Amino acid sequence: MIHILKANEDHVKGIRKVCSDGNWATYREIYAKEYIERVIEEFYNEERILKEVTTSNREWGGYFVAIEKGEVIGAGGGGMIGDNEGELYVLYLDPTRRNEGIGTLLLEAITQQQKEEFHAGKQWVSVQQGNQKGIPFYEARGFVFECEQDGYGNKEDEDYRSLRYYRFI
């Protein structure tokens, strides 16, 4: 049975593994190896994740994890970017566990937090152009394309693009 709960220190290594493995599975065909490694090192190192599982406020609501048999099989988190607008910052699964509803359960937990604790009425997500795992997932859950922008962390010779989606919640 899968349980969705707020992450704590015991989940740091599992979050790191799920987010790193999920990142590789999602982007290995569309991004350079160096870009993926740079993003993983910045966001999914144990020191940062430890800080992010022990911090929860409007700007970062903390990590939520999907746990099965004591193992982290999915992780996600978000925060508020305005008075009534939330953002989903991260959502990854063990790549072997896609299409089981785990991502939907995590998204629902993050959305519930944003609605109930922070009074969000609108939710945003950025999806990398070419991410054919994420784009159909978010569109199926009511997110609507708004615009395209530079991808996060582009270096001078990189032109990765990010797609902004929103939905009313």
Protein backbone atom coordinates (compact mmCIF):
# COMPACT_ATOMS: atom_id res chain seq x y z
CA MET A 1 0.00 0.00 0.00
CA ILE A 2 1.27 3.47 -0.91
CA HIS A 3 1.23 6.22 1.72
CA ILE A 4 1.65 9.93 0.98
CA LEU A 5 3.15 11.91 3.82
CA LYS A 6 5.22 14.95 4.64
CA ALA A 7 8.89 14.03 4.33
CA ASN A 8 11.33 14.05 7.23
CA GLU A 9 15.04 13.42 7.75
CA ASP A 10 14.58 9.66 7.26
CA HIS A 11 13.51 10.26 3.66
CA VAL A 12 16.49 12.34 2.45
CA LYS A 13 18.39 9.53 0.69
CA GLY A 14 15.19 8.21 -0.90
CA ILE A 15 14.23 11.67 -2.18
CA ARG A 16 17.70 12.12 -3.61
CA LYS A 17 17.53 8.77 -5.42
CA VAL A 18 14.00 9.24 -6.78
CA CYS A 19 14.66 12.80 -7.98
CA SER A 20 18.04 11.92 -9.52
CA ASP A 21 16.79 8.75 -11.22
CA GLY A 22 13.61 10.51 -12.34
CA ASN A 23 15.62 13.40 -13.74
CA TRP A 24 17.83 11.07 -15.80
CA ALA A 25 14.83 9.07 -17.05
CA THR A 26 12.97 12.23 -18.04
CA TYR A 27 15.75 14.26 -19.64
CA ARG A 28 18.48 11.95 -20.93
CA GLU A 29 17.09 12.16 -24.47
CA ILE A 30 16.59 15.94 -24.55
CA TYR A 31 19.37 17.50 -22.44
CA ALA A 32 23.14 17.28 -22.42
CA LYS A 33 24.66 15.07 -19.72
CA GLU A 34 26.42 18.10 -18.20
CA TYR A 35 23.14 20.00 -17.83
CA ILE A 36 21.41 17.09 -16.08
CA GLU A 37 24.38 16.58 -13.75
CA ARG A 38 24.42 20.31 -12.93
CA VAL A 39 20.70 20.37 -12.05
CA ILE A 40 20.94 17.20 -9.95
CA GLU A 41 23.96 18.53 -8.07
CA GLU A 42 22.22 21.84 -7.34
CA PHE A 43 18.78 20.59 -6.31
CA TYR A 44 19.10 16.96 -5.27
CA ASN A 45 22.14 16.85 -3.02
CA GLU A 46 21.59 15.49 0.49
CA GLU A 47 22.50 18.73 2.27
CA ARG A 48 19.88 20.73 0.36
CA ILE A 49 17.23 18.03 0.67
CA LEU A 50 17.83 17.79 4.43
CA LYS A 51 17.24 21.53 4.71
CA GLU A 52 14.13 21.23 2.55
CA VAL A 53 12.57 18.43 4.60
CA THR A 54 13.08 20.39 7.81
CA THR A 55 11.71 23.66 6.40
CA SER A 56 8.08 24.37 5.64
CA ASN A 57 6.58 27.78 5.01
CA ARG A 58 4.53 29.59 2.34
CA GLU A 59 7.42 29.80 -0.12
CA TRP A 60 8.39 26.13 0.26
CA GLY A 61 5.76 23.81 1.69
CA GLY A 62 8.27 21.01 2.19
CA TYR A 63 8.64 17.70 0.42
CA PHE A 64 5.85 15.15 0.25
CA VAL A 65 6.83 11.55 -0.36
CA ALA A 66 5.12 8.43 -1.62
CA ILE A 67 6.21 5.52 0.57
CA GLU A 68 5.72 1.83 -0.06
CA LYS A 69 7.20 -0.83 2.22
CA GLY A 70 9.39 1.82 3.84
CA GLU A 71 10.88 2.96 0.52
CA VAL A 72 10.50 6.38 -1.15
CA ILE A 73 8.99 5.78 -4.58
CA GLY A 74 8.01 9.38 -5.34
CA ALA A 75 8.64 12.90 -4.10
CA GLY A 76 7.28 16.35 -4.79
CA GLY A 77 6.92 19.81 -3.37
CA GLY A 78 5.81 23.33 -4.05
CA GLY A 79 5.14 26.69 -2.53
CA MET A 80 3.42 30.00 -2.98
CA ILE A 81 4.58 32.55 -5.55
CA GLY A 82 1.92 35.14 -4.77
CA ASP A 83 -0.94 35.86 -2.39
CA ASN A 84 -3.18 33.22 -3.96
CA GLU A 85 -0.95 31.50 -6.52
CA GLY A 86 0.94 28.29 -5.83
CA GLU A 87 3.70 26.61 -7.79
CA LEU A 88 4.62 22.97 -8.13
CA TYR A 89 8.43 23.01 -8.07
CA VAL A 90 9.30 19.33 -8.22
CA LEU A 91 7.57 16.00 -8.83
CA TYR A 92 9.49 12.80 -9.58
CA LEU A 93 8.81 9.09 -9.30
CA ASP A 94 10.90 5.97 -9.38
CA PRO A 95 11.03 5.57 -13.19
CA THR A 96 9.88 1.94 -12.92
CA ARG A 97 6.68 3.04 -11.11
CA ARG A 98 5.09 5.33 -13.69
CA ASN A 99 1.37 5.05 -14.58
CA GLU A 100 0.33 3.72 -11.16
CA GLY A 101 -1.29 6.95 -9.92
CA ILE A 102 1.60 7.85 -7.60
CA GLY A 103 2.24 11.22 -9.27
CA THR A 104 -1.43 12.08 -9.03
CA LEU A 105 -1.46 11.27 -5.30
CA LEU A 106 1.57 13.49 -4.71
CA LEU A 107 0.11 16.32 -6.79
CA GLU A 108 -3.15 16.06 -4.82
CA ALA A 109 -1.29 16.32 -1.49
CA ILE A 110 0.67 19.39 -2.63
CA THR A 111 -2.47 20.98 -4.09
CA GLN A 112 -4.41 20.33 -0.87
CA GLN A 113 -1.66 22.03 1.15
CA GLN A 114 -1.63 25.03 -1.16
CA LYS A 115 -5.42 25.36 -1.06
CA GLU A 116 -6.05 24.69 2.62
CA GLU A 117 -2.97 26.11 4.35
CA PHE A 118 -2.03 28.91 1.96
CA HIS A 119 -5.39 29.69 0.27
CA ALA A 120 -4.22 29.25 -3.31
CA GLY A 121 -6.78 29.55 -6.07
CA LYS A 122 -4.37 29.07 -8.96
CA GLN A 123 -1.46 26.66 -9.39
CA TRP A 124 1.50 26.91 -11.75
CA VAL A 125 4.06 24.43 -13.03
CA SER A 126 7.01 24.78 -15.40
CA VAL A 127 7.65 21.81 -17.67
CA GLN A 128 10.73 21.52 -19.83
CA GLN A 129 10.02 21.62 -23.55
CA GLY A 130 10.18 18.08 -24.90
CA ASN A 131 9.27 16.46 -21.56
CA GLN A 132 6.82 13.91 -22.89
CA LYS A 133 6.39 12.36 -19.46
CA GLY A 134 5.38 15.61 -17.73
CA ILE A 135 3.43 17.53 -20.36
CA PRO A 136 0.67 14.92 -20.90
CA PHE A 137 0.49 14.31 -17.11
CA TYR A 138 -0.16 17.97 -16.30
CA GLU A 139 -2.51 18.55 -19.22
CA ALA A 140 -4.59 15.53 -18.14
CA ARG A 141 -4.93 17.16 -14.70
CA GLY A 142 -6.30 20.42 -16.05
CA PHE A 143 -3.17 22.50 -16.51
CA VAL A 144 -3.34 24.90 -19.47
CA PHE A 145 -0.33 26.18 -21.44
CA GLU A 146 0.37 29.87 -20.82
CA CYS A 147 3.78 30.71 -22.32
CA GLU A 148 7.32 29.63 -23.10
CA GLN A 149 10.42 30.98 -21.36
CA ASP A 150 14.14 30.30 -20.97
CA GLY A 151 14.88 27.10 -19.09
CA TYR A 152 16.26 27.32 -15.59
CA GLY A 153 20.03 27.43 -15.35
CA ASN A 154 20.83 27.83 -19.04
CA LYS A 155 24.46 28.69 -19.66
CA GLU A 156 25.46 31.02 -22.46
CA ASP A 157 25.59 28.28 -25.13
CA GLU A 158 22.36 26.54 -23.99
CA ASP A 159 18.87 27.31 -25.25
CA TYR A 160 16.64 24.97 -23.25
CA ARG A 161 13.03 26.13 -23.02
CA SER A 162 10.51 25.82 -20.24
CA LEU A 163 6.74 25.78 -20.73
CA ARG A 164 4.53 27.51 -18.14
CA TYR A 165 1.20 25.88 -17.31
CA TYR A 166 -1.50 26.87 -14.81
CA ARG A 167 -4.82 25.63 -13.49
CA PHE A 168 -7.44 26.96 -11.12
CA ILE A 169 -7.74 24.93 -7.93
